[in-house]
Amino acid sequence: MPTSFDARWQNITFSSLAMSEIMDNPAEGETPQARLKQLGMLSLLYTLHLANIPLTLTNITEKTGLTRGGAAEPIDQLVARGLLRESWAKNALGRGKAREFEISDALFAKLKQASSS
């Protein structure tokens, strides 16, 4: 069973890895502000992931107070970077479709590698 120290170490490692992936690899024409938004969004998504809260736009807008468009902008950039995976799921009412996101397996593999070093 991981200790609270292990969990804190993993959180610090994830934050450092996320910052490196986003800040050190700007997309063409991307502003520093856009990269900071992505970093903040990825940090929020990781926290929701750890709390077993589905990564949907509805959950994200409820937690942040952002509009759906405001939340979608950095999320779409994270998907384009390959840091998030997007899929479609039934919405909460079960009648429509909702975008659902997962942190990429590649990012978790890098986290695992960094944590074991």
PDB file of N, CA and C in Angstrom:
ATOM      1  N   MET A   1       0.843  -1.174   0.000  1.00  0.00           N
ATOM      2  CA  MET A   1       0.000   0.000   0.000  1.00  0.00           C
ATOM      3  C   MET A   1       0.895   1.246   0.000  1.00  0.00           C
ATOM      4  N   PRO A   2       0.638   2.192  -0.909  1.00  0.00           N
ATOM      5  CA  PRO A   2       1.478   3.394  -0.957  1.00  0.00           C
ATOM      6  C   PRO A   2       1.257   4.274   0.278  1.00  0.00           C
ATOM      7  N   THR A   3       2.319   4.887   0.721  1.00  0.00           N
ATOM      8  CA  THR A   3       2.224   5.801   1.850  1.00  0.00           C
ATOM      9  C   THR A   3       1.811   7.180   1.357  1.00  0.00           C
ATOM     10  N   SER A   4       1.448   8.063   2.282  1.00  0.00           N
ATOM     11  CA  SER A   4       1.083   9.427   1.876  1.00  0.00           C
ATOM     12  C   SER A   4       2.291  10.132   1.276  1.00  0.00           C
ATOM     13  N   PHE A   5       3.496   9.765   1.736  1.00  0.00           N
ATOM     14  CA  PHE A   5       4.703  10.343   1.142  1.00  0.00           C
ATOM     15  C   PHE A   5       4.824   9.923  -0.321  1.00  0.00           C
ATOM     16  N   ASP A   6       4.545   8.637  -0.614  1.00  0.00           N
ATOM     17  CA  ASP A   6       4.589   8.155  -1.993  1.00  0.00           C
ATOM     18  C   ASP A   6       3.589   8.908  -2.869  1.00  0.00           C
ATOM     19  N   ALA A   7       2.394   9.138  -2.334  1.00  0.00           N
ATOM     20  CA  ALA A   7       1.361   9.852  -3.094  1.00  0.00           C
ATOM     21  C   ALA A   7       1.799  11.284  -3.381  1.00  0.00           C
ATOM     22  N   ARG A   8       2.380  11.945  -2.389  1.00  0.00           N
ATOM     23  CA  ARG A   8       2.860  13.326  -2.612  1.00  0.00           C
ATOM     24  C   ARG A   8       3.982  13.340  -3.631  1.00  0.00           C
ATOM     25  N   TRP A   9       4.882  12.368  -3.540  1.00  0.00           N
ATOM     26  CA  TRP A   9       5.989  12.283  -4.490  1.00  0.00           C
ATOM     27  C   TRP A   9       5.440  12.090  -5.907  1.00  0.00           C
ATOM     28  N   GLN A  10       4.435  11.228  -6.048  1.00  0.00           N
ATOM     29  CA  GLN A  10       3.837  10.989  -7.357  1.00  0.00           C
ATOM     30  C   GLN A  10       3.151  12.253  -7.885  1.00  0.00           C
ATOM     31  N   ASN A  11       2.481  13.016  -7.021  1.00  0.00           N
ATOM     32  CA  ASN A  11       1.839  14.263  -7.443  1.00  0.00           C
ATOM     33  C   ASN A  11       2.877  15.277  -7.919  1.00  0.00           C
ATOM     34  N   ILE A  12       3.973  15.395  -7.186  1.00  0.00           N
ATOM     35  CA  ILE A  12       5.039  16.319  -7.589  1.00  0.00           C
ATOM     36  C   ILE A  12       5.641  15.876  -8.910  1.00  0.00           C
ATOM     37  N   THR A  13       5.853  14.575  -9.061  1.00  0.00           N
ATOM     38  CA  THR A  13       6.420  14.046 -10.300  1.00  0.00           C
ATOM     39  C   THR A  13       5.476  14.302 -11.466  1.00  0.00           C
ATOM     40  N   PHE A  14       4.166  14.087 -11.253  1.00  0.00           N
ATOM     41  CA  PHE A  14       3.196  14.347 -12.327  1.00  0.00           C
ATOM     42  C   PHE A  14       3.218  15.822 -12.724  1.00  0.00           C
ATOM     43  N   SER A  15       3.232  16.715 -11.740  1.00  0.00           N
ATOM     44  CA  SER A  15       3.249  18.150 -12.029  1.00  0.00           C
ATOM     45  C   SER A  15       4.488  18.542 -12.823  1.00  0.00           C
ATOM     46  N   SER A  16       5.634  18.010 -12.420  1.00  0.00           N
ATOM     47  CA  SER A  16       6.885  18.317 -13.120  1.00  0.00           C
ATOM     48  C   SER A  16       6.863  17.766 -14.546  1.00  0.00           C
ATOM     49  N   LEU A  17       6.369  16.561 -14.693  1.00  0.00           N
ATOM     50  CA  LEU A  17       6.283  15.936 -16.013  1.00  0.00           C
ATOM     51  C   LEU A  17       5.331  16.715 -16.916  1.00  0.00           C
ATOM     52  N   ALA A  18       4.165  17.089 -16.374  1.00  0.00           N
ATOM     53  CA  ALA A  18       3.188  17.852 -17.152  1.00  0.00           C
ATOM     54  C   ALA A  18       3.781  19.195 -17.581  1.00  0.00           C
ATOM     55  N   MET A  19       4.462  19.859 -16.660  1.00  0.00           N
ATOM     56  CA  MET A  19       5.055  21.154 -16.994  1.00  0.00           C
ATOM     57  C   MET A  19       6.089  21.000 -18.103  1.00  0.00           C
ATOM     58  N   SER A  20       6.893  19.975 -18.015  1.00  0.00           N
ATOM     59  CA  SER A  20       7.896  19.733 -19.045  1.00  0.00           C
ATOM     60  C   SER A  20       7.253  19.446 -20.403  1.00  0.00           C
ATOM     61  N   GLU A  21       6.246  18.584 -20.405  1.00  0.00           N
ATOM     62  CA  GLU A  21       5.580  18.211 -21.660  1.00  0.00           C
ATOM     63  C   GLU A  21       4.926  19.418 -22.337  1.00  0.00           C
ATOM     64  N   ILE A  22       4.347  20.299 -21.549  1.00  0.00           N
ATOM     65  CA  ILE A  22       3.602  21.437 -22.116  1.00  0.00           C
ATOM     66  C   ILE A  22       4.495  22.641 -22.359  1.00  0.00           C
ATOM     67  N   MET A  23       5.263  23.038 -21.369  1.00  0.00           N
ATOM     68  CA  MET A  23       6.035  24.280 -21.484  1.00  0.00           C
ATOM     69  C   MET A  23       7.263  24.135 -22.387  1.00  0.00           C
ATOM     70  N   ASP A  24       7.859  22.944 -22.426  1.00  0.00           N
ATOM     71  CA  ASP A  24       9.062  22.747 -23.230  1.00  0.00           C
ATOM     72  C   ASP A  24       8.778  22.403 -24.681  1.00  0.00           C
ATOM     73  N   ASN A  25       7.514  22.197 -25.015  1.00  0.00           N
ATOM     74  CA  ASN A  25       7.156  21.783 -26.381  1.00  0.00           C
ATOM     75  C   ASN A  25       6.009  22.624 -26.917  1.00  0.00           C
ATOM     76  N   PRO A  26       6.235  23.921 -27.121  1.00  0.00           N
ATOM     77  CA  PRO A  26       5.123  24.760 -27.608  1.00  0.00           C
ATOM     78  C   PRO A  26       4.714  24.372 -29.037  1.00  0.00           C
ATOM     79  N   ALA A  27       3.414  24.373 -29.271  1.00  0.00           N
ATOM     80  CA  ALA A  27       2.903  24.162 -30.623  1.00  0.00           C
ATOM     81  C   ALA A  27       3.113  25.453 -31.410  1.00  0.00           C
ATOM     82  N   GLU A  28       3.148  25.323 -32.709  1.00  0.00           N
ATOM     83  CA  GLU A  28       3.379  26.495 -33.550  1.00  0.00           C
ATOM     84  C   GLU A  28       2.275  27.528 -33.331  1.00  0.00           C
ATOM     85  N   GLY A  29       2.694  28.754 -33.031  1.00  0.00           N
ATOM     86  CA  GLY A  29       1.756  29.854 -32.825  1.00  0.00           C
ATOM     87  C   GLY A  29       1.088  29.865 -31.463  1.00  0.00           C
ATOM     88  N   GLU A  30       1.461  28.953 -30.597  1.00  0.00           N
ATOM     89  CA  GLU A  30       0.832  28.855 -29.280  1.00  0.00           C
ATOM     90  C   GLU A  30       1.433  29.885 -28.324  1.00  0.00           C
ATOM     91  N   THR A  31       0.577  30.539 -27.586  1.00  0.00           N
ATOM     92  CA  THR A  31       1.047  31.578 -26.662  1.00  0.00           C
ATOM     93  C   THR A  31       1.415  30.959 -25.305  1.00  0.00           C
ATOM     94  N   PRO A  32       2.258  31.654 -24.544  1.00  0.00           N
ATOM     95  CA  PRO A  32       2.546  31.179 -23.185  1.00  0.00           C
ATOM     96  C   PRO A  32       1.274  31.061 -22.349  1.00  0.00           C
ATOM     97  N   GLN A  33       0.328  31.963 -22.552  1.00  0.00           N
ATOM     98  CA  GLN A  33      -0.934  31.911 -21.816  1.00  0.00           C
ATOM     99  C   GLN A  33      -1.684  30.618 -22.123  1.00  0.00           C
ATOM    100  N   ALA A  34      -1.702  30.214 -23.374  1.00  0.00           N
ATOM    101  CA  ALA A  34      -2.387  28.976 -23.756  1.00  0.00           C
ATOM    102  C   ALA A  34      -1.726  27.772 -23.087  1.00  0.00           C
ATOM    103  N   ARG A  35      -0.401  27.777 -23.016  1.00  0.00           N
ATOM    104  CA  ARG A  35       0.312  26.669 -22.367  1.00  0.00           C
ATOM    105  C   ARG A  35       0.013  26.631 -20.864  1.00  0.00           C
ATOM    106  N   LEU A  36      -0.072  27.806 -20.226  1.00  0.00           N
ATOM    107  CA  LEU A  36      -0.411  27.844 -18.798  1.00  0.00           C
ATOM    108  C   LEU A  36      -1.833  27.328 -18.555  1.00  0.00           C
ATOM    109  N   LYS A  37      -2.759  27.659 -19.451  1.00  0.00           N
ATOM    110  CA  LYS A  37      -4.127  27.145 -19.326  1.00  0.00           C
ATOM    111  C   LYS A  37      -4.135  25.621 -19.433  1.00  0.00           C
ATOM    112  N   GLN A  38      -3.345  25.097 -20.348  1.00  0.00           N
ATOM    113  CA  GLN A  38      -3.267  23.646 -20.507  1.00  0.00           C
ATOM    114  C   GLN A  38      -2.680  22.991 -19.264  1.00  0.00           C
ATOM    115  N   LEU A  39      -1.658  23.607 -18.714  1.00  0.00           N
ATOM    116  CA  LEU A  39      -1.019  23.075 -17.511  1.00  0.00           C
ATOM    117  C   LEU A  39      -1.999  23.052 -16.339  1.00  0.00           C
ATOM    118  N   GLY A  40      -2.728  24.143 -16.156  1.00  0.00           N
ATOM    119  CA  GLY A  40      -3.731  24.197 -15.097  1.00  0.00           C
ATOM    120  C   GLY A  40      -4.840  23.177 -15.318  1.00  0.00           C
ATOM    121  N   MET A  41      -5.272  23.027 -16.558  1.00  0.00           N
ATOM    122  CA  MET A  41      -6.340  22.075 -16.871  1.00  0.00           C
ATOM    123  C   MET A  41      -5.865  20.647 -16.624  1.00  0.00           C
ATOM    124  N   LEU A  42      -4.645  20.325 -17.039  1.00  0.00           N
ATOM    125  CA  LEU A  42      -4.139  18.977 -16.838  1.00  0.00           C
ATOM    126  C   LEU A  42      -3.997  18.669 -15.346  1.00  0.00           C
ATOM    127  N   SER A  43      -3.605  19.660 -14.577  1.00  0.00           N
ATOM    128  CA  SER A  43      -3.509  19.491 -13.129  1.00  0.00           C
ATOM    129  C   SER A  43      -4.889  19.202 -12.534  1.00  0.00           C
ATOM    130  N   LEU A  44      -5.889  19.934 -12.949  1.00  0.00           N
ATOM    131  CA  LEU A  44      -7.260  19.697 -12.491  1.00  0.00           C
ATOM    132  C   LEU A  44      -7.724  18.304 -12.899  1.00  0.00           C
ATOM    133  N   LEU A  45      -7.471  17.924 -14.144  1.00  0.00           N
ATOM    134  CA  LEU A  45      -7.914  16.619 -14.630  1.00  0.00           C
ATOM    135  C   LEU A  45      -7.252  15.487 -13.851  1.00  0.00           C
ATOM    136  N   TYR A  46      -5.989  15.663 -13.504  1.00  0.00           N
ATOM    137  CA  TYR A  46      -5.291  14.645 -12.718  1.00  0.00           C
ATOM    138  C   TYR A  46      -5.928  14.527 -11.328  1.00  0.00           C
ATOM    139  N   THR A  47      -6.272  15.644 -10.727  1.00  0.00           N
ATOM    140  CA  THR A  47      -6.926  15.631  -9.421  1.00  0.00           C
ATOM    141  C   THR A  47      -8.286  14.943  -9.507  1.00  0.00           C
ATOM    142  N   LEU A  48      -9.059  15.236 -10.537  1.00  0.00           N
ATOM    143  CA  LEU A  48     -10.353  14.567 -10.726  1.00  0.00           C
ATOM    144  C   LEU A  48     -10.160  13.074 -10.953  1.00  0.00           C
ATOM    145  N   HIS A  49      -9.144  12.736 -11.739  1.00  0.00           N
ATOM    146  CA  HIS A  49      -8.835  11.326 -12.003  1.00  0.00           C
ATOM    147  C   HIS A  49      -8.547  10.591 -10.692  1.00  0.00           C
ATOM    148  N   LEU A  50      -7.724  11.189  -9.833  1.00  0.00           N
ATOM    149  CA  LEU A  50      -7.386  10.568  -8.548  1.00  0.00           C
ATOM    150  C   LEU A  50      -8.614  10.408  -7.653  1.00  0.00           C
ATOM    151  N   ALA A  51      -9.591  11.293  -7.813  1.00  0.00           N
ATOM    152  CA  ALA A  51     -10.826  11.230  -7.025  1.00  0.00           C
ATOM    153  C   ALA A  51     -11.898  10.349  -7.689  1.00  0.00           C
ATOM    154  N   ASN A  52     -11.525   9.694  -8.793  1.00  0.00           N
ATOM    155  CA  ASN A  52     -12.460   8.825  -9.540  1.00  0.00           C
ATOM    156  C   ASN A  52     -13.690   9.569 -10.030  1.00  0.00           C
ATOM    157  N   ILE A  53     -13.513  10.823 -10.412  1.00  0.00           N
ATOM    158  CA  ILE A  53     -14.583  11.624 -10.997  1.00  0.00           C
ATOM    159  C   ILE A  53     -14.411  11.575 -12.509  1.00  0.00           C
ATOM    160  N   PRO A  54     -15.443  11.182 -13.261  1.00  0.00           N
ATOM    161  CA  PRO A  54     -15.310  11.106 -14.714  1.00  0.00           C
ATOM    162  C   PRO A  54     -14.879  12.454 -15.303  1.00  0.00           C
ATOM    163  N   LEU A  55     -13.978  12.395 -16.254  1.00  0.00           N
ATOM    164  CA  LEU A  55     -13.447  13.609 -16.882  1.00  0.00           C
ATOM    165  C   LEU A  55     -14.343  14.000 -18.051  1.00  0.00           C
ATOM    166  N   THR A  56     -15.452  14.634 -17.721  1.00  0.00           N
ATOM    167  CA  THR A  56     -16.393  15.120 -18.724  1.00  0.00           C
ATOM    168  C   THR A  56     -16.433  16.642 -18.659  1.00  0.00           C
ATOM    169  N   LEU A  57     -16.883  17.257 -19.744  1.00  0.00           N
ATOM    170  CA  LEU A  57     -16.991  18.718 -19.747  1.00  0.00           C
ATOM    171  C   LEU A  57     -17.939  19.200 -18.655  1.00  0.00           C
ATOM    172  N   THR A  58     -19.006  18.468 -18.402  1.00  0.00           N
ATOM    173  CA  THR A  58     -19.948  18.867 -17.360  1.00  0.00           C
ATOM    174  C   THR A  58     -19.269  18.899 -15.996  1.00  0.00           C
ATOM    175  N   ASN A  59     -18.536  17.848 -15.659  1.00  0.00           N
ATOM    176  CA  ASN A  59     -17.842  17.817 -14.371  1.00  0.00           C
ATOM    177  C   ASN A  59     -16.784  18.910 -14.278  1.00  0.00           C
ATOM    178  N   ILE A  60     -16.098  19.150 -15.376  1.00  0.00           N
ATOM    179  CA  ILE A  60     -15.036  20.166 -15.388  1.00  0.00           C
ATOM    180  C   ILE A  60     -15.633  21.560 -15.219  1.00  0.00           C
ATOM    181  N   THR A  61     -16.733  21.840 -15.912  1.00  0.00           N
ATOM    182  CA  THR A  61     -17.341  23.169 -15.785  1.00  0.00           C
ATOM    183  C   THR A  61     -17.935  23.367 -14.392  1.00  0.00           C
ATOM    184  N   GLU A  62     -18.455  22.303 -13.797  1.00  0.00           N
ATOM    185  CA  GLU A  62     -18.984  22.415 -12.428  1.00  0.00           C
ATOM    186  C   GLU A  62     -17.875  22.732 -11.435  1.00  0.00           C
ATOM    187  N   LYS A  63     -16.712  22.135 -11.609  1.00  0.00           N
ATOM    188  CA  LYS A  63     -15.598  22.342 -10.680  1.00  0.00           C
ATOM    189  C   LYS A  63     -14.908  23.682 -10.879  1.00  0.00           C
ATOM    190  N   THR A  64     -14.892  24.195 -12.115  1.00  0.00           N
ATOM    191  CA  THR A  64     -14.114  25.394 -12.425  1.00  0.00           C
ATOM    192  C   THR A  64     -14.935  26.664 -12.580  1.00  0.00           C
ATOM    193  N   GLY A  65     -16.203  26.524 -12.931  1.00  0.00           N
ATOM    194  CA  GLY A  65     -17.009  27.699 -13.238  1.00  0.00           C
ATOM    195  C   GLY A  65     -16.787  28.209 -14.660  1.00  0.00           C
ATOM    196  N   LEU A  66     -15.957  27.517 -15.421  1.00  0.00           N
ATOM    197  CA  LEU A  66     -15.733  27.892 -16.822  1.00  0.00           C
ATOM    198  C   LEU A  66     -16.962  27.550 -17.663  1.00  0.00           C
ATOM    199  N   THR A  67     -17.085  28.226 -18.789  1.00  0.00           N
ATOM    200  CA  THR A  67     -18.102  27.831 -19.764  1.00  0.00           C
ATOM    201  C   THR A  67     -17.617  26.555 -20.442  1.00  0.00           C
ATOM    202  N   ARG A  68     -18.510  25.879 -21.140  1.00  0.00           N
ATOM    203  CA  ARG A  68     -18.102  24.670 -21.869  1.00  0.00           C
ATOM    204  C   ARG A  68     -17.038  25.005 -22.902  1.00  0.00           C
ATOM    205  N   GLY A  69     -17.198  26.129 -23.581  1.00  0.00           N
ATOM    206  CA  GLY A  69     -16.200  26.547 -24.570  1.00  0.00           C
ATOM    207  C   GLY A  69     -14.869  26.891 -23.926  1.00  0.00           C
ATOM    208  N   GLY A  70     -14.938  27.553 -22.758  1.00  0.00           N
ATOM    209  CA  GLY A  70     -13.716  27.912 -22.043  1.00  0.00           C
ATOM    210  C   GLY A  70     -12.960  26.692 -21.555  1.00  0.00           C
ATOM    211  N   ALA A  71     -13.691  25.653 -21.171  1.00  0.00           N
ATOM    212  CA  ALA A  71     -13.053  24.408 -20.737  1.00  0.00           C
ATOM    213  C   ALA A  71     -12.560  23.603 -21.927  1.00  0.00           C
ATOM    214  N   ALA A  72     -13.311  23.633 -23.026  1.00  0.00           N
ATOM    215  CA  ALA A  72     -12.960  22.828 -24.196  1.00  0.00           C
ATOM    216  C   ALA A  72     -11.668  23.298 -24.859  1.00  0.00           C
ATOM    217  N   GLU A  73     -11.386  24.593 -24.814  1.00  0.00           N
ATOM    218  CA  GLU A  73     -10.193  25.119 -25.502  1.00  0.00           C
ATOM    219  C   GLU A  73      -8.896  24.463 -25.022  1.00  0.00           C
ATOM    220  N   PRO A  74      -8.560  24.517 -23.734  1.00  0.00           N
ATOM    221  CA  PRO A  74      -7.317  23.859 -23.323  1.00  0.00           C
ATOM    222  C   PRO A  74      -7.396  22.331 -23.418  1.00  0.00           C
ATOM    223  N   ILE A  75      -8.587  21.784 -23.248  1.00  0.00           N
ATOM    224  CA  ILE A  75      -8.734  20.330 -23.371  1.00  0.00           C
ATOM    225  C   ILE A  75      -8.429  19.888 -24.795  1.00  0.00           C
ATOM    226  N   ASP A  76      -8.961  20.597 -25.777  1.00  0.00           N
ATOM    227  CA  ASP A  76      -8.695  20.253 -27.176  1.00  0.00           C
ATOM    228  C   ASP A  76      -7.203  20.332 -27.486  1.00  0.00           C
ATOM    229  N   GLN A  77      -6.526  21.315 -26.896  1.00  0.00           N
ATOM    230  CA  GLN A  77      -5.079  21.436 -27.102  1.00  0.00           C
ATOM    231  C   GLN A  77      -4.334  20.271 -26.457  1.00  0.00           C
ATOM    232  N   LEU A  78      -4.797  19.813 -25.301  1.00  0.00           N
ATOM    233  CA  LEU A  78      -4.180  18.660 -24.644  1.00  0.00           C
ATOM    234  C   LEU A  78      -4.415  17.378 -25.441  1.00  0.00           C
ATOM    235  N   VAL A  79      -5.591  17.259 -26.053  1.00  0.00           N
ATOM    236  CA  VAL A  79      -5.870  16.115 -26.924  1.00  0.00           C
ATOM    237  C   VAL A  79      -4.929  16.155 -28.130  1.00  0.00           C
ATOM    238  N   ALA A  80      -4.766  17.330 -28.732  1.00  0.00           N
ATOM    239  CA  ALA A  80      -3.873  17.473 -29.889  1.00  0.00           C
ATOM    240  C   ALA A  80      -2.431  17.125 -29.528  1.00  0.00           C
ATOM    241  N   ARG A  81      -2.012  17.418 -28.321  1.00  0.00           N
ATOM    242  CA  ARG A  81      -0.664  17.086 -27.858  1.00  0.00           C
ATOM    243  C   ARG A  81      -0.495  15.591 -27.572  1.00  0.00           C
ATOM    244  N   GLY A  82      -1.609  14.878 -27.451  1.00  0.00           N
ATOM    245  CA  GLY A  82      -1.556  13.464 -27.116  1.00  0.00           C
ATOM    246  C   GLY A  82      -1.487  13.205 -25.617  1.00  0.00           C
ATOM    247  N   LEU A  83      -1.734  14.234 -24.805  1.00  0.00           N
ATOM    248  CA  LEU A  83      -1.703  14.063 -23.354  1.00  0.00           C
ATOM    249  C   LEU A  83      -3.044  13.588 -22.809  1.00  0.00           C
ATOM    250  N   LEU A  84      -4.099  13.794 -23.592  1.00  0.00           N
ATOM    251  CA  LEU A  84      -5.443  13.311 -23.243  1.00  0.00           C
ATOM    252  C   LEU A  84      -5.981  12.491 -24.400  1.00  0.00           C
ATOM    253  N   ARG A  85      -6.836  11.537 -24.059  1.00  0.00           N
ATOM    254  CA  ARG A  85      -7.548  10.758 -25.064  1.00  0.00           C
ATOM    255  C   ARG A  85      -9.019  11.102 -24.923  1.00  0.00           C
ATOM    256  N   GLU A  86      -9.671  11.302 -26.041  1.00  0.00           N
ATOM    257  CA  GLU A  86     -11.089  11.677 -26.049  1.00  0.00           C
ATOM    258  C   GLU A  86     -11.921  10.513 -26.553  1.00  0.00           C
ATOM    259  N   SER A  87     -13.076  10.307 -25.918  1.00  0.00           N
ATOM    260  CA  SER A  87     -14.023   9.305 -26.396  1.00  0.00           C
ATOM    261  C   SER A  87     -15.430   9.852 -26.186  1.00  0.00           C
ATOM    262  N   TRP A  88     -16.387   9.132 -26.711  1.00  0.00           N
ATOM    263  CA  TRP A  88     -17.778   9.535 -26.560  1.00  0.00           C
ATOM    264  C   TRP A  88     -18.476   8.522 -25.673  1.00  0.00           C
ATOM    265  N   ALA A  89     -19.264   9.009 -24.739  1.00  0.00           N
ATOM    266  CA  ALA A  89     -20.023   8.160 -23.828  1.00  0.00           C
ATOM    267  C   ALA A  89     -21.446   8.699 -23.754  1.00  0.00           C
ATOM    268  N   LYS A  90     -22.331   7.908 -23.190  1.00  0.00           N
ATOM    269  CA  LYS A  90     -23.702   8.403 -22.980  1.00  0.00           C
ATOM    270  C   LYS A  90     -23.660   9.505 -21.932  1.00  0.00           C
ATOM    271  N   ASN A  91     -24.513  10.514 -22.118  1.00  0.00           N
ATOM    272  CA  ASN A  91     -24.563  11.590 -21.120  1.00  0.00           C
ATOM    273  C   ASN A  91     -25.258  11.086 -19.860  1.00  0.00           C
ATOM    274  N   ALA A  92     -25.310  11.947 -18.854  1.00  0.00           N
ATOM    275  CA  ALA A  92     -25.861  11.550 -17.555  1.00  0.00           C
ATOM    276  C   ALA A  92     -27.320  11.096 -17.658  1.00  0.00           C
ATOM    277  N   LEU A  93     -28.047  11.631 -18.611  1.00  0.00           N
ATOM    278  CA  LEU A  93     -29.451  11.239 -18.784  1.00  0.00           C
ATOM    279  C   LEU A  93     -29.590   9.968 -19.613  1.00  0.00           C
ATOM    280  N   GLY A  94     -28.490   9.535 -20.229  1.00  0.00           N
ATOM    281  CA  GLY A  94     -28.506   8.314 -21.021  1.00  0.00           C
ATOM    282  C   GLY A  94     -29.115   8.455 -22.397  1.00  0.00           C
ATOM    283  N   ARG A  95     -29.413   9.695 -22.805  1.00  0.00           N
ATOM    284  CA  ARG A  95     -30.084   9.890 -24.095  1.00  0.00           C
ATOM    285  C   ARG A  95     -29.162  10.441 -25.168  1.00  0.00           C
ATOM    286  N   GLY A  96     -28.140  11.149 -24.789  1.00  0.00           N
ATOM    287  CA  GLY A  96     -27.264  11.774 -25.772  1.00  0.00           C
ATOM    288  C   GLY A  96     -25.837  11.322 -25.583  1.00  0.00           C
ATOM    289  N   LYS A  97     -24.961  12.004 -26.286  1.00  0.00           N
ATOM    290  CA  LYS A  97     -23.541  11.677 -26.204  1.00  0.00           C
ATOM    291  C   LYS A  97     -22.815  12.785 -25.458  1.00  0.00           C
ATOM    292  N   ALA A  98     -21.798  12.385 -24.729  1.00  0.00           N
ATOM    293  CA  ALA A  98     -20.971  13.342 -23.994  1.00  0.00           C
ATOM    294  C   ALA A  98     -19.503  13.018 -24.265  1.00  0.00           C
ATOM    295  N   ARG A  99     -18.709  14.073 -24.374  1.00  0.00           N
ATOM    296  CA  ARG A  99     -17.267  13.877 -24.525  1.00  0.00           C
ATOM    297  C   ARG A  99     -16.694  13.461 -23.170  1.00  0.00           C
ATOM    298  N   GLU A 100     -15.903  12.423 -23.185  1.00  0.00           N
ATOM    299  CA  GLU A 100     -15.240  11.966 -21.971  1.00  0.00           C
ATOM    300  C   GLU A 100     -13.750  11.864 -22.275  1.00  0.00           C
ATOM    301  N   PHE A 101     -12.939  12.167 -21.287  1.00  0.00           N
ATOM    302  CA  PHE A 101     -11.501  12.236 -21.501  1.00  0.00           C
ATOM    303  C   PHE A 101     -10.776  11.317 -20.533  1.00  0.00           C
ATOM    304  N   GLU A 102      -9.593  10.889 -20.964  1.00  0.00           N
ATOM    305  CA  GLU A 102      -8.695  10.105 -20.123  1.00  0.00           C
ATOM    306  C   GLU A 102      -7.296  10.659 -20.308  1.00  0.00           C
ATOM    307  N   ILE A 103      -6.544  10.669 -19.229  1.00  0.00           N
ATOM    308  CA  ILE A 103      -5.135  11.032 -19.348  1.00  0.00           C
ATOM    309  C   ILE A 103      -4.466   9.895 -20.102  1.00  0.00           C
ATOM    310  N   SER A 104      -3.604  10.228 -21.050  1.00  0.00           N
ATOM    311  CA  SER A 104      -3.045   9.221 -21.948  1.00  0.00           C
ATOM    312  C   SER A 104      -2.187   8.201 -21.205  1.00  0.00           C
ATOM    313  N   ASP A 105      -2.220   6.982 -21.718  1.00  0.00           N
ATOM    314  CA  ASP A 105      -1.396   5.913 -21.162  1.00  0.00           C
ATOM    315  C   ASP A 105       0.084   6.260 -21.273  1.00  0.00           C
ATOM    316  N   ALA A 106       0.450   6.959 -22.346  1.00  0.00           N
ATOM    317  CA  ALA A 106       1.857   7.340 -22.542  1.00  0.00           C
ATOM    318  C   ALA A 106       2.325   8.264 -21.414  1.00  0.00           C
ATOM    319  N   LEU A 107       1.471   9.174 -20.990  1.00  0.00           N
ATOM    320  CA  LEU A 107       1.841  10.087 -19.902  1.00  0.00           C
ATOM    321  C   LEU A 107       1.971   9.310 -18.589  1.00  0.00           C
ATOM    322  N   PHE A 108       1.068   8.368 -18.344  1.00  0.00           N
ATOM    323  CA  PHE A 108       1.174   7.559 -17.138  1.00  0.00           C
ATOM    324  C   PHE A 108       2.410   6.654 -17.179  1.00  0.00           C
ATOM    325  N   ALA A 109       2.768   6.174 -18.372  1.00  0.00           N
ATOM    326  CA  ALA A 109       3.986   5.363 -18.495  1.00  0.00           C
ATOM    327  C   ALA A 109       5.218   6.190 -18.147  1.00  0.00           C
ATOM    328  N   LYS A 110       5.255   7.438 -18.603  1.00  0.00           N
ATOM    329  CA  LYS A 110       6.366   8.317 -18.265  1.00  0.00           C
ATOM    330  C   LYS A 110       6.389   8.610 -16.766  1.00  0.00           C
ATOM    331  N   LEU A 111       5.209   8.763 -16.170  1.00  0.00           N
ATOM    332  CA  LEU A 111       5.112   8.995 -14.735  1.00  0.00           C
ATOM    333  C   LEU A 111       5.646   7.788 -13.963  1.00  0.00           C
ATOM    334  N   LYS A 112       5.247   6.607 -14.404  1.00  0.00           N
ATOM    335  CA  LYS A 112       5.709   5.388 -13.736  1.00  0.00           C
ATOM    336  C   LYS A 112       7.228   5.255 -13.854  1.00  0.00           C
ATOM    337  N   GLN A 113       7.742   5.544 -15.035  1.00  0.00           N
ATOM    338  CA  GLN A 113       9.189   5.462 -15.258  1.00  0.00           C
ATOM    339  C   GLN A 113       9.924   6.476 -14.374  1.00  0.00           C
ATOM    340  N   ALA A 114       9.406   7.695 -14.302  1.00  0.00           N
ATOM    341  CA  ALA A 114      10.044   8.734 -13.486  1.00  0.00           C
ATOM    342  C   ALA A 114       9.956   8.395 -12.004  1.00  0.00           C
ATOM    343  N   SER A 115       8.852   7.804 -11.578  1.00  0.00           N
ATOM    344  CA  SER A 115       8.662   7.463 -10.163  1.00  0.00           C
ATOM    345  C   SER A 115       9.557   6.307  -9.725  1.00  0.00           C
ATOM    346  N   SER A 116       9.886   5.425 -10.668  1.00  0.00           N
ATOM    347  CA  SER A 116      10.704   4.265 -10.304  1.00  0.00           C
ATOM    348  C   SER A 116      12.197   4.568 -10.366  1.00  0.00           C
ATOM    349  N   SER A 117      12.560   5.715 -10.911  1.00  0.00           N
ATOM    350  CA  SER A 117      13.991   6.054 -11.016  1.00  0.00           C
ATOM    351  C   SER A 117      14.559   6.532  -9.716  1.00  0.00           C
TER     352      SER A 117
END
